[in-house]
Amino acid sequence: RYAMVGDQLGVLAVKNGWAGIVVYGCIRDSKAIGGMDVGVFALGTHPR
């Protein structure tokens, strides 16, 4: 029903040296996250 991670959080992950994020839930801003140097796995996407 909501996105736990978006592009701003993806930027933080890259900037602070996180290898990846696994979300048992959804993310948003998937196009932007797809261009980031971090691994992100999630169940799906949601815009909210």
All heavy atoms as atom14 arrays in JSON, in Angstrom:
{
  "sequence": "RYAMVGDQLGVLAVKNGWAGIVVYGCIRDSKAIGGMDVGVFALGTHPR",
  "atom14_mask": [
    [1, 1, 1, 1, 1, 1, 1, 1, 1, 1, 1, 0, 0, 0],
    [1, 1, 1, 1, 1, 1, 1, 1, 1, 1, 1, 1, 0, 0],
    [1, 1, 1, 1, 1, 0, 0, 0, 0, 0, 0, 0, 0, 0],
    [1, 1, 1, 1, 1, 1, 1, 1, 0, 0, 0, 0, 0, 0],
    [1, 1, 1, 1, 1, 1, 1, 0, 0, 0, 0, 0, 0, 0],
    [1, 1, 1, 1, 0, 0, 0, 0, 0, 0, 0, 0, 0, 0],
    [1, 1, 1, 1, 1, 1, 1, 1, 0, 0, 0, 0, 0, 0],
    [1, 1, 1, 1, 1, 1, 1, 1, 1, 0, 0, 0, 0, 0],
    [1, 1, 1, 1, 1, 1, 1, 1, 0, 0, 0, 0, 0, 0],
    [1, 1, 1, 1, 0, 0, 0, 0, 0, 0, 0, 0, 0, 0],
    [1, 1, 1, 1, 1, 1, 1, 0, 0, 0, 0, 0, 0, 0],
    [1, 1, 1, 1, 1, 1, 1, 1, 0, 0, 0, 0, 0, 0],
    [1, 1, 1, 1, 1, 0, 0, 0, 0, 0, 0, 0, 0, 0],
    [1, 1, 1, 1, 1, 1, 1, 0, 0, 0, 0, 0, 0, 0],
    [1, 1, 1, 1, 1, 1, 1, 1, 1, 0, 0, 0, 0, 0],
    [1, 1, 1, 1, 1, 1, 1, 1, 0, 0, 0, 0, 0, 0],
    [1, 1, 1, 1, 0, 0, 0, 0, 0, 0, 0, 0, 0, 0],
    [1, 1, 1, 1, 1, 1, 1, 1, 1, 1, 1, 1, 1, 1],
    [1, 1, 1, 1, 1, 0, 0, 0, 0, 0, 0, 0, 0, 0],
    [1, 1, 1, 1, 0, 0, 0, 0, 0, 0, 0, 0, 0, 0],
    [1, 1, 1, 1, 1, 1, 1, 1, 0, 0, 0, 0, 0, 0],
    [1, 1, 1, 1, 1, 1, 1, 0, 0, 0, 0, 0, 0, 0],
    [1, 1, 1, 1, 1, 1, 1, 0, 0, 0, 0, 0, 0, 0],
    [1, 1, 1, 1, 1, 1, 1, 1, 1, 1, 1, 1, 0, 0],
    [1, 1, 1, 1, 0, 0, 0, 0, 0, 0, 0, 0, 0, 0],
    [1, 1, 1, 1, 1, 1, 0, 0, 0, 0, 0, 0, 0, 0],
    [1, 1, 1, 1, 1, 1, 1, 1, 0, 0, 0, 0, 0, 0],
    [1, 1, 1, 1, 1, 1, 1, 1, 1, 1, 1, 0, 0, 0],
    [1, 1, 1, 1, 1, 1, 1, 1, 0, 0, 0, 0, 0, 0],
    [1, 1, 1, 1, 1, 1, 0, 0, 0, 0, 0, 0, 0, 0],
    [1, 1, 1, 1, 1, 1, 1, 1, 1, 0, 0, 0, 0, 0],
    [1, 1, 1, 1, 1, 0, 0, 0, 0, 0, 0, 0, 0, 0],
    [1, 1, 1, 1, 1, 1, 1, 1, 0, 0, 0, 0, 0, 0],
    [1, 1, 1, 1, 0, 0, 0, 0, 0, 0, 0, 0, 0, 0],
    [1, 1, 1, 1, 0, 0, 0, 0, 0, 0, 0, 0, 0, 0],
    [1, 1, 1, 1, 1, 1, 1, 1, 0, 0, 0, 0, 0, 0],
    [1, 1, 1, 1, 1, 1, 1, 1, 0, 0, 0, 0, 0, 0],
    [1, 1, 1, 1, 1, 1, 1, 0, 0, 0, 0, 0, 0, 0],
    [1, 1, 1, 1, 0, 0, 0, 0, 0, 0, 0, 0, 0, 0],
    [1, 1, 1, 1, 1, 1, 1, 0, 0, 0, 0, 0, 0, 0],
    [1, 1, 1, 1, 1, 1, 1, 1, 1, 1, 1, 0, 0, 0],
    [1, 1, 1, 1, 1, 0, 0, 0, 0, 0, 0, 0, 0, 0],
    [1, 1, 1, 1, 1, 1, 1, 1, 0, 0, 0, 0, 0, 0],
    [1, 1, 1, 1, 0, 0, 0, 0, 0, 0, 0, 0, 0, 0],
    [1, 1, 1, 1, 1, 1, 1, 0, 0, 0, 0, 0, 0, 0],
    [1, 1, 1, 1, 1, 1, 1, 1, 1, 1, 0, 0, 0, 0],
    [1, 1, 1, 1, 1, 1, 1, 0, 0, 0, 0, 0, 0, 0],
    [1, 1, 1, 1, 1, 1, 1, 1, 1, 1, 1, 0, 0, 0]
  ],
  "atom14_positions": [
    [[0.81, -1.23, 0.0], [0.0, 0.0, 0.0], [0.84, 1.27, 0.0], [0.32, 2.35, -0.27], [-0.93, 0.01, 1.21], [-1.89, -1.16, 1.2], [-2.91, -1.17, 2.3], [-2.5, -0.54, 3.54], [-3.35, -0.02, 4.42], [-4.65, -0.07, 4.19], [-2.91, 0.51, 5.53], [0.0, 0.0, 0.0], [0.0, 0.0, 0.0], [0.0, 0.0, 0.0]],
    [[2.14, 1.17, 0.31], [3.03, 2.33, 0.36], [4.43, 1.88, -0.08], [4.76, 0.7, 0.0], [3.15, 2.88, 1.79], [1.86, 3.42, 2.34], [1.01, 2.6, 3.08], [1.5, 4.75, 2.14], [-0.18, 3.09, 3.6], [0.31, 5.24, 2.66], [-0.52, 4.42, 3.38], [-1.7, 4.91, 3.89], [0.0, 0.0, 0.0], [0.0, 0.0, 0.0]],
    [[5.25, 2.83, -0.47], [6.64, 2.55, -0.85], [7.57, 2.85, 0.33], [7.54, 3.95, 0.87], [7.03, 3.4, -2.05], [0.0, 0.0, 0.0], [0.0, 0.0, 0.0], [0.0, 0.0, 0.0], [0.0, 0.0, 0.0], [0.0, 0.0, 0.0], [0.0, 0.0, 0.0], [0.0, 0.0, 0.0], [0.0, 0.0, 0.0], [0.0, 0.0, 0.0]],
    [[8.37, 1.87, 0.7], [9.3, 2.02, 1.83], [10.6, 2.73, 1.42], [11.27, 3.3, 2.26], [9.64, 0.65, 2.42], [8.44, -0.1, 2.97], [7.61, 0.77, 4.31], [8.82, 0.63, 5.59], [0.0, 0.0, 0.0], [0.0, 0.0, 0.0], [0.0, 0.0, 0.0], [0.0, 0.0, 0.0], [0.0, 0.0, 0.0], [0.0, 0.0, 0.0]],
    [[10.96, 2.67, 0.15], [12.2, 3.27, -0.35], [11.9, 4.0, -1.65], [11.18, 3.47, -2.5], [13.28, 2.18, -0.59], [14.52, 2.77, -1.26], [13.65, 1.48, 0.71], [0.0, 0.0, 0.0], [0.0, 0.0, 0.0], [0.0, 0.0, 0.0], [0.0, 0.0, 0.0], [0.0, 0.0, 0.0], [0.0, 0.0, 0.0], [0.0, 0.0, 0.0]],
    [[12.47, 5.19, -1.79], [12.36, 5.96, -3.03], [13.73, 6.45, -3.44], [14.75, 6.09, -2.86], [0.0, 0.0, 0.0], [0.0, 0.0, 0.0], [0.0, 0.0, 0.0], [0.0, 0.0, 0.0], [0.0, 0.0, 0.0], [0.0, 0.0, 0.0], [0.0, 0.0, 0.0], [0.0, 0.0, 0.0], [0.0, 0.0, 0.0], [0.0, 0.0, 0.0]],
    [[13.76, 7.31, -4.46], [15.04, 7.76, -5.01], [15.9, 8.52, -4.01], [17.11, 8.36, -3.99], [14.84, 8.57, -6.29], [14.0, 9.82, -6.12], [13.36, 10.01, -5.05], [13.96, 10.63, -7.07], [0.0, 0.0, 0.0], [0.0, 0.0, 0.0], [0.0, 0.0, 0.0], [0.0, 0.0, 0.0], [0.0, 0.0, 0.0], [0.0, 0.0, 0.0]],
    [[15.3, 9.33, -3.13], [16.09, 10.07, -2.14], [16.81, 9.11, -1.19], [17.97, 9.33, -0.82], [15.22, 11.04, -1.37], [14.69, 12.17, -2.22], [13.77, 13.1, -1.43], [13.7, 13.06, -0.21], [13.06, 13.94, -2.14], [0.0, 0.0, 0.0], [0.0, 0.0, 0.0], [0.0, 0.0, 0.0], [0.0, 0.0, 0.0], [0.0, 0.0, 0.0]],
    [[16.14, 8.05, -0.79], [16.76, 7.07, 0.09], [17.81, 6.25, -0.67], [18.83, 5.87, -0.11], [15.72, 6.17, 0.74], [14.72, 6.91, 1.64], [13.74, 5.94, 2.28], [15.43, 7.73, 2.7], [0.0, 0.0, 0.0], [0.0, 0.0, 0.0], [0.0, 0.0, 0.0], [0.0, 0.0, 0.0], [0.0, 0.0, 0.0], [0.0, 0.0, 0.0]],
    [[17.56, 6.02, -1.95], [18.56, 5.35, -2.78], [19.85, 6.16, -2.87], [20.95, 5.61, -2.78], [0.0, 0.0, 0.0], [0.0, 0.0, 0.0], [0.0, 0.0, 0.0], [0.0, 0.0, 0.0], [0.0, 0.0, 0.0], [0.0, 0.0, 0.0], [0.0, 0.0, 0.0], [0.0, 0.0, 0.0], [0.0, 0.0, 0.0], [0.0, 0.0, 0.0]],
    [[19.7, 7.47, -3.02], [20.88, 8.35, -3.06], [21.65, 8.26, -1.74], [22.89, 8.18, -1.72], [20.47, 9.81, -3.37], [21.61, 10.78, -3.11], [19.98, 9.93, -4.8], [0.0, 0.0, 0.0], [0.0, 0.0, 0.0], [0.0, 0.0, 0.0], [0.0, 0.0, 0.0], [0.0, 0.0, 0.0], [0.0, 0.0, 0.0], [0.0, 0.0, 0.0]],
    [[20.94, 8.25, -0.62], [21.59, 8.11, 0.69], [22.35, 6.79, 0.79], [23.46, 6.74, 1.31], [20.57, 8.19, 1.82], [20.05, 9.55, 2.2], [18.96, 9.43, 3.26], [21.17, 10.46, 2.7], [0.0, 0.0, 0.0], [0.0, 0.0, 0.0], [0.0, 0.0, 0.0], [0.0, 0.0, 0.0], [0.0, 0.0, 0.0], [0.0, 0.0, 0.0]],
    [[21.74, 5.71, 0.3], [22.39, 4.4, 0.35], [23.7, 4.4, -0.42], [24.72, 3.9, 0.06], [21.44, 3.32, -0.19], [0.0, 0.0, 0.0], [0.0, 0.0, 0.0], [0.0, 0.0, 0.0], [0.0, 0.0, 0.0], [0.0, 0.0, 0.0], [0.0, 0.0, 0.0], [0.0, 0.0, 0.0], [0.0, 0.0, 0.0], [0.0, 0.0, 0.0]],
    [[23.69, 4.98, -1.61], [24.91, 5.04, -2.42], [25.95, 5.92, -1.73], [27.11, 5.52, -1.58], [24.6, 5.57, -3.84], [25.88, 5.83, -4.63], [23.68, 4.61, -4.59], [0.0, 0.0, 0.0], [0.0, 0.0, 0.0], [0.0, 0.0, 0.0], [0.0, 0.0, 0.0], [0.0, 0.0, 0.0], [0.0, 0.0, 0.0], [0.0, 0.0, 0.0]],
    [[25.53, 7.1, -1.32], [26.45, 8.07, -0.7], [27.12, 7.5, 0.55], [28.3, 7.76, 0.8], [25.66, 9.33, -0.34], [26.45, 10.37, 0.43], [25.55, 11.53, 0.83], [26.29, 12.42, 1.82], [25.39, 13.42, 2.4], [0.0, 0.0, 0.0], [0.0, 0.0, 0.0], [0.0, 0.0, 0.0], [0.0, 0.0, 0.0], [0.0, 0.0, 0.0]],
    [[26.38, 6.69, 1.3], [26.91, 6.2, 2.58], [27.45, 4.77, 2.53], [27.75, 4.18, 3.57], [25.85, 6.36, 3.67], [25.62, 7.83, 3.97], [26.56, 8.6, 4.14], [24.37, 8.24, 4.01], [0.0, 0.0, 0.0], [0.0, 0.0, 0.0], [0.0, 0.0, 0.0], [0.0, 0.0, 0.0], [0.0, 0.0, 0.0], [0.0, 0.0, 0.0]],
    [[27.59, 4.22, 1.34], [28.3, 2.95, 1.19], [27.51, 1.7, 1.55], [28.11, 0.7, 1.97], [0.0, 0.0, 0.0], [0.0, 0.0, 0.0], [0.0, 0.0, 0.0], [0.0, 0.0, 0.0], [0.0, 0.0, 0.0], [0.0, 0.0, 0.0], [0.0, 0.0, 0.0], [0.0, 0.0, 0.0], [0.0, 0.0, 0.0], [0.0, 0.0, 0.0]],
    [[26.21, 1.7, 1.35], [25.41, 0.5, 1.56], [25.51, -0.37, 0.31], [25.45, 0.12, -0.8], [23.95, 0.86, 1.84], [23.78, 1.48, 3.18], [23.95, 2.8, 3.5], [23.47, 0.82, 4.4], [23.74, 2.99, 4.85], [23.44, 1.78, 5.43], [23.2, -0.51, 4.73], [23.17, 1.46, 6.75], [22.92, -0.83, 6.05], [22.91, 0.15, 7.04]],
    [[25.69, -1.67, 0.48], [25.79, -2.59, -0.67], [24.44, -2.82, -1.31], [24.34, -2.98, -2.52], [26.39, -3.92, -0.23], [0.0, 0.0, 0.0], [0.0, 0.0, 0.0], [0.0, 0.0, 0.0], [0.0, 0.0, 0.0], [0.0, 0.0, 0.0], [0.0, 0.0, 0.0], [0.0, 0.0, 0.0], [0.0, 0.0, 0.0], [0.0, 0.0, 0.0]],
    [[23.39, -2.86, -0.48], [22.08, -3.13, -1.02], [20.97, -2.98, 0.0], [21.22, -2.79, 1.19], [0.0, 0.0, 0.0], [0.0, 0.0, 0.0], [0.0, 0.0, 0.0], [0.0, 0.0, 0.0], [0.0, 0.0, 0.0], [0.0, 0.0, 0.0], [0.0, 0.0, 0.0], [0.0, 0.0, 0.0], [0.0, 0.0, 0.0], [0.0, 0.0, 0.0]],
    [[19.75, -3.07, -0.52], [18.54, -2.97, 0.29], [17.59, -4.06, -0.19], [17.35, -4.2, -1.39], [17.86, -1.6, 0.12], [18.82, -0.45, 0.44], [16.61, -1.51, 0.99], [18.29, 0.93, 0.01], [0.0, 0.0, 0.0], [0.0, 0.0, 0.0], [0.0, 0.0, 0.0], [0.0, 0.0, 0.0], [0.0, 0.0, 0.0], [0.0, 0.0, 0.0]],
    [[17.05, -4.83, 0.75], [16.03, -5.82, 0.44], [14.77, -5.4, 1.19], [14.79, -5.25, 2.41], [16.46, -7.24, 0.86], [15.33, -8.23, 0.65], [17.7, -7.67, 0.1], [0.0, 0.0, 0.0], [0.0, 0.0, 0.0], [0.0, 0.0, 0.0], [0.0, 0.0, 0.0], [0.0, 0.0, 0.0], [0.0, 0.0, 0.0], [0.0, 0.0, 0.0]],
    [[13.68, -5.19, 0.44], [12.44, -4.68, 1.03], [11.32, -5.71, 0.9], [10.92, -6.05, -0.22], [11.99, -3.37, 0.34], [10.75, -2.8, 1.02], [13.11, -2.34, 0.31], [0.0, 0.0, 0.0], [0.0, 0.0, 0.0], [0.0, 0.0, 0.0], [0.0, 0.0, 0.0], [0.0, 0.0, 0.0], [0.0, 0.0, 0.0], [0.0, 0.0, 0.0]],
    [[10.85, -6.18, 2.05], [9.65, -7.02, 2.05], [8.47, -6.06, 2.05], [7.83, -5.79, 3.05], [9.65, -7.94, 3.27], [8.5, -8.91, 3.31], [8.15, -9.68, 2.2], [7.75, -9.06, 4.47], [7.09, -10.57, 2.23], [6.69, -9.95, 4.52], [6.37, -10.69, 3.4], [5.31, -11.58, 3.45], [0.0, 0.0, 0.0], [0.0, 0.0, 0.0]],
    [[8.26, -5.47, 0.89], [7.29, -4.41, 0.65], [7.62, -3.79, -0.69], [8.28, -4.41, -1.53], [0.0, 0.0, 0.0], [0.0, 0.0, 0.0], [0.0, 0.0, 0.0], [0.0, 0.0, 0.0], [0.0, 0.0, 0.0], [0.0, 0.0, 0.0], [0.0, 0.0, 0.0], [0.0, 0.0, 0.0], [0.0, 0.0, 0.0], [0.0, 0.0, 0.0]],
    [[7.22, -2.55, -0.89], [7.38, -1.88, -2.18], [8.37, -0.72, -2.12], [8.69, -0.21, -1.06], [6.03, -1.35, -2.65], [4.88, -2.64, -3.11], [0.0, 0.0, 0.0], [0.0, 0.0, 0.0], [0.0, 0.0, 0.0], [0.0, 0.0, 0.0], [0.0, 0.0, 0.0], [0.0, 0.0, 0.0], [0.0, 0.0, 0.0], [0.0, 0.0, 0.0]],
    [[8.81, -0.32, -3.31], [9.63, 0.87, -3.5], [8.91, 1.77, -4.5], [7.92, 1.37, -5.11], [11.05, 0.54, -4.01], [10.98, -0.01, -5.44], [11.75, -0.41, -3.06], [12.24, 0.19, -6.23], [0.0, 0.0, 0.0], [0.0, 0.0, 0.0], [0.0, 0.0, 0.0], [0.0, 0.0, 0.0], [0.0, 0.0, 0.0], [0.0, 0.0, 0.0]],
    [[9.45, 2.98, -4.69], [8.96, 3.86, -5.75], [10.17, 4.49, -6.42], [11.3, 4.23, -6.04], [8.0, 4.9, -5.21], [8.61, 5.91, -4.27], [7.52, 6.77, -3.68], [8.01, 8.09, -3.31], [7.21, 9.12, -3.1], [5.92, 9.01, -3.25], [7.72, 10.28, -2.75], [0.0, 0.0, 0.0], [0.0, 0.0, 0.0], [0.0, 0.0, 0.0]],
    [[9.93, 5.32, -7.42], [11.02, 5.94, -8.19], [11.94, 4.87, -8.78], [13.15, 5.01, -8.8], [11.82, 6.91, -7.31], [10.96, 7.98, -6.66], [10.1, 8.55, -7.36], [11.12, 8.23, -5.45], [0.0, 0.0, 0.0], [0.0, 0.0, 0.0], [0.0, 0.0, 0.0], [0.0, 0.0, 0.0], [0.0, 0.0, 0.0], [0.0, 0.0, 0.0]],
    [[11.34, 3.8, -9.28], [12.12, 2.65, -9.74], [13.04, 2.99, -10.91], [14.14, 2.44, -11.0], [11.2, 1.49, -10.11], [10.32, 1.84, -11.14], [0.0, 0.0, 0.0], [0.0, 0.0, 0.0], [0.0, 0.0, 0.0], [0.0, 0.0, 0.0], [0.0, 0.0, 0.0], [0.0, 0.0, 0.0], [0.0, 0.0, 0.0], [0.0, 0.0, 0.0]],
    [[12.64, 3.89, -11.77], [13.5, 4.25, -12.9], [14.78, 4.91, -12.4], [15.88, 4.55, -12.82], [12.76, 5.18, -13.87], [13.57, 5.52, -15.1], [12.77, 6.32, -16.1], [13.62, 6.59, -17.33], [12.87, 7.34, -18.34], [0.0, 0.0, 0.0], [0.0, 0.0, 0.0], [0.0, 0.0, 0.0], [0.0, 0.0, 0.0], [0.0, 0.0, 0.0]],
    [[14.66, 5.85, -11.46], [15.84, 6.51, -10.9], [16.71, 5.52, -10.13], [17.94, 5.52, -10.25], [15.42, 7.67, -10.0], [0.0, 0.0, 0.0], [0.0, 0.0, 0.0], [0.0, 0.0, 0.0], [0.0, 0.0, 0.0], [0.0, 0.0, 0.0], [0.0, 0.0, 0.0], [0.0, 0.0, 0.0], [0.0, 0.0, 0.0], [0.0, 0.0, 0.0]],
    [[16.09, 4.67, -9.33], [16.84, 3.68, -8.54], [17.59, 2.72, -9.46], [18.7, 2.28, -9.15], [15.89, 2.96, -7.56], [15.5, 3.92, -6.43], [16.54, 1.7, -7.0], [14.44, 3.41, -5.49], [0.0, 0.0, 0.0], [0.0, 0.0, 0.0], [0.0, 0.0, 0.0], [0.0, 0.0, 0.0], [0.0, 0.0, 0.0], [0.0, 0.0, 0.0]],
    [[17.02, 2.43, -10.62], [17.67, 1.55, -11.58], [18.99, 2.09, -12.11], [19.82, 1.33, -12.59], [0.0, 0.0, 0.0], [0.0, 0.0, 0.0], [0.0, 0.0, 0.0], [0.0, 0.0, 0.0], [0.0, 0.0, 0.0], [0.0, 0.0, 0.0], [0.0, 0.0, 0.0], [0.0, 0.0, 0.0], [0.0, 0.0, 0.0], [0.0, 0.0, 0.0]],
    [[19.21, 3.39, -11.99], [20.46, 3.99, -12.43], [21.46, 4.21, -11.3], [22.52, 4.8, -11.53], [0.0, 0.0, 0.0], [0.0, 0.0, 0.0], [0.0, 0.0, 0.0], [0.0, 0.0, 0.0], [0.0, 0.0, 0.0], [0.0, 0.0, 0.0], [0.0, 0.0, 0.0], [0.0, 0.0, 0.0], [0.0, 0.0, 0.0], [0.0, 0.0, 0.0]],
    [[21.14, 3.73, -10.12], [22.02, 3.95, -8.96], [22.91, 2.75, -8.69], [22.52, 1.61, -8.93], [21.18, 4.25, -7.72], [20.41, 5.54, -7.83], [19.46, 5.85, -6.32], [18.48, 7.25, -6.85], [0.0, 0.0, 0.0], [0.0, 0.0, 0.0], [0.0, 0.0, 0.0], [0.0, 0.0, 0.0], [0.0, 0.0, 0.0], [0.0, 0.0, 0.0]],
    [[24.1, 3.03, -8.17], [25.09, 2.0, -7.9], [24.81, 1.33, -6.54], [25.61, 1.41, -5.61], [26.49, 2.62, -7.92], [27.59, 1.56, -7.9], [27.32, 0.43, -8.37], [28.69, 1.86, -7.41], [0.0, 0.0, 0.0], [0.0, 0.0, 0.0], [0.0, 0.0, 0.0], [0.0, 0.0, 0.0], [0.0, 0.0, 0.0], [0.0, 0.0, 0.0]],
    [[23.65, 0.69, -6.46], [23.25, -0.02, -5.25], [22.28, -1.11, -5.66], [21.52, -0.94, -6.63], [22.62, 0.94, -4.2], [21.32, 1.55, -4.69], [22.45, 0.26, -2.85], [0.0, 0.0, 0.0], [0.0, 0.0, 0.0], [0.0, 0.0, 0.0], [0.0, 0.0, 0.0], [0.0, 0.0, 0.0], [0.0, 0.0, 0.0], [0.0, 0.0, 0.0]],
    [[22.29, -2.22, -4.94], [21.32, -3.28, -5.19], [20.04, -2.98, -4.44], [20.09, -2.61, -3.26], [0.0, 0.0, 0.0], [0.0, 0.0, 0.0], [0.0, 0.0, 0.0], [0.0, 0.0, 0.0], [0.0, 0.0, 0.0], [0.0, 0.0, 0.0], [0.0, 0.0, 0.0], [0.0, 0.0, 0.0], [0.0, 0.0, 0.0], [0.0, 0.0, 0.0]],
    [[18.9, -3.14, -5.09], [17.6, -2.96, -4.43], [16.67, -4.06, -4.9], [16.36, -4.15, -6.09], [16.98, -1.58, -4.73], [15.61, -1.46, -4.06], [17.9, -0.45, -4.26], [0.0, 0.0, 0.0], [0.0, 0.0, 0.0], [0.0, 0.0, 0.0], [0.0, 0.0, 0.0], [0.0, 0.0, 0.0], [0.0, 0.0, 0.0], [0.0, 0.0, 0.0]],
    [[16.24, -4.9, -3.96], [15.24, -5.93, -4.24], [13.99, -5.58, -3.46], [14.07, -5.16, -2.31], [15.73, -7.3, -3.78], [16.66, -8.0, -4.75], [17.43, -7.32, -5.66], [16.77, -9.38, -4.7], [18.29, -7.99, -6.53], [17.62, -10.06, -5.56], [18.38, -9.37, -6.48], [0.0, 0.0, 0.0], [0.0, 0.0, 0.0], [0.0, 0.0, 0.0]],
    [[12.83, -5.75, -4.08], [11.55, -5.48, -3.41], [10.47, -6.35, -4.05], [10.69, -6.96, -5.11], [11.18, -4.0, -3.53], [0.0, 0.0, 0.0], [0.0, 0.0, 0.0], [0.0, 0.0, 0.0], [0.0, 0.0, 0.0], [0.0, 0.0, 0.0], [0.0, 0.0, 0.0], [0.0, 0.0, 0.0], [0.0, 0.0, 0.0], [0.0, 0.0, 0.0]],
    [[9.3, -6.37, -3.42], [8.18, -7.14, -3.95], [7.59, -6.49, -5.2], [7.06, -7.17, -6.07], [7.08, -7.28, -2.89], [7.46, -8.04, -1.62], [6.28, -8.05, -0.66], [7.93, -9.45, -1.94], [0.0, 0.0, 0.0], [0.0, 0.0, 0.0], [0.0, 0.0, 0.0], [0.0, 0.0, 0.0], [0.0, 0.0, 0.0], [0.0, 0.0, 0.0]],
    [[7.66, -5.16, -5.26], [7.09, -4.43, -6.38], [7.22, -2.94, -6.17], [8.01, -2.49, -5.33], [0.0, 0.0, 0.0], [0.0, 0.0, 0.0], [0.0, 0.0, 0.0], [0.0, 0.0, 0.0], [0.0, 0.0, 0.0], [0.0, 0.0, 0.0], [0.0, 0.0, 0.0], [0.0, 0.0, 0.0], [0.0, 0.0, 0.0], [0.0, 0.0, 0.0]],
    [[6.44, -2.19, -6.92], [6.47, -0.73, -6.82], [5.11, -0.2, -6.42], [4.08, -0.84, -6.66], [6.9, -0.08, -8.15], [5.95, -0.44, -9.15], [8.29, -0.52, -8.56], [0.0, 0.0, 0.0], [0.0, 0.0, 0.0], [0.0, 0.0, 0.0], [0.0, 0.0, 0.0], [0.0, 0.0, 0.0], [0.0, 0.0, 0.0], [0.0, 0.0, 0.0]],
    [[5.13, 0.99, -5.84], [3.91, 1.71, -5.47], [4.25, 3.2, -5.45], [5.28, 3.57, -4.89], [3.4, 1.26, -4.11], [1.97, 1.64, -3.86], [1.57, 2.94, -3.66], [0.86, 0.89, -3.83], [0.27, 2.96, -3.49], [-0.19, 1.73, -3.59], [0.0, 0.0, 0.0], [0.0, 0.0, 0.0], [0.0, 0.0, 0.0], [0.0, 0.0, 0.0]],
    [[3.44, 4.06, -6.01], [3.8, 5.48, -6.07], [3.61, 6.26, -4.77], [4.16, 7.35, -4.62], [2.86, 6.04, -7.15], [1.69, 5.13, -7.14], [2.23, 3.77, -6.78], [0.0, 0.0, 0.0], [0.0, 0.0, 0.0], [0.0, 0.0, 0.0], [0.0, 0.0, 0.0], [0.0, 0.0, 0.0], [0.0, 0.0, 0.0], [0.0, 0.0, 0.0]],
    [[2.89, 5.72, -3.8], [2.56, 6.48, -2.59], [3.67, 6.34, -1.54], [4.12, 5.26, -1.23], [1.24, 5.97, -1.99], [0.85, 6.7, -0.72], [-0.52, 6.29, -0.21], [-1.5, 6.95, -1.06], [-2.65, 6.41, -1.45], [-2.97, 5.2, -1.09], [-3.48, 7.09, -2.21], [0.0, 0.0, 0.0], [0.0, 0.0, 0.0], [0.0, 0.0, 0.0]]
  ]
}
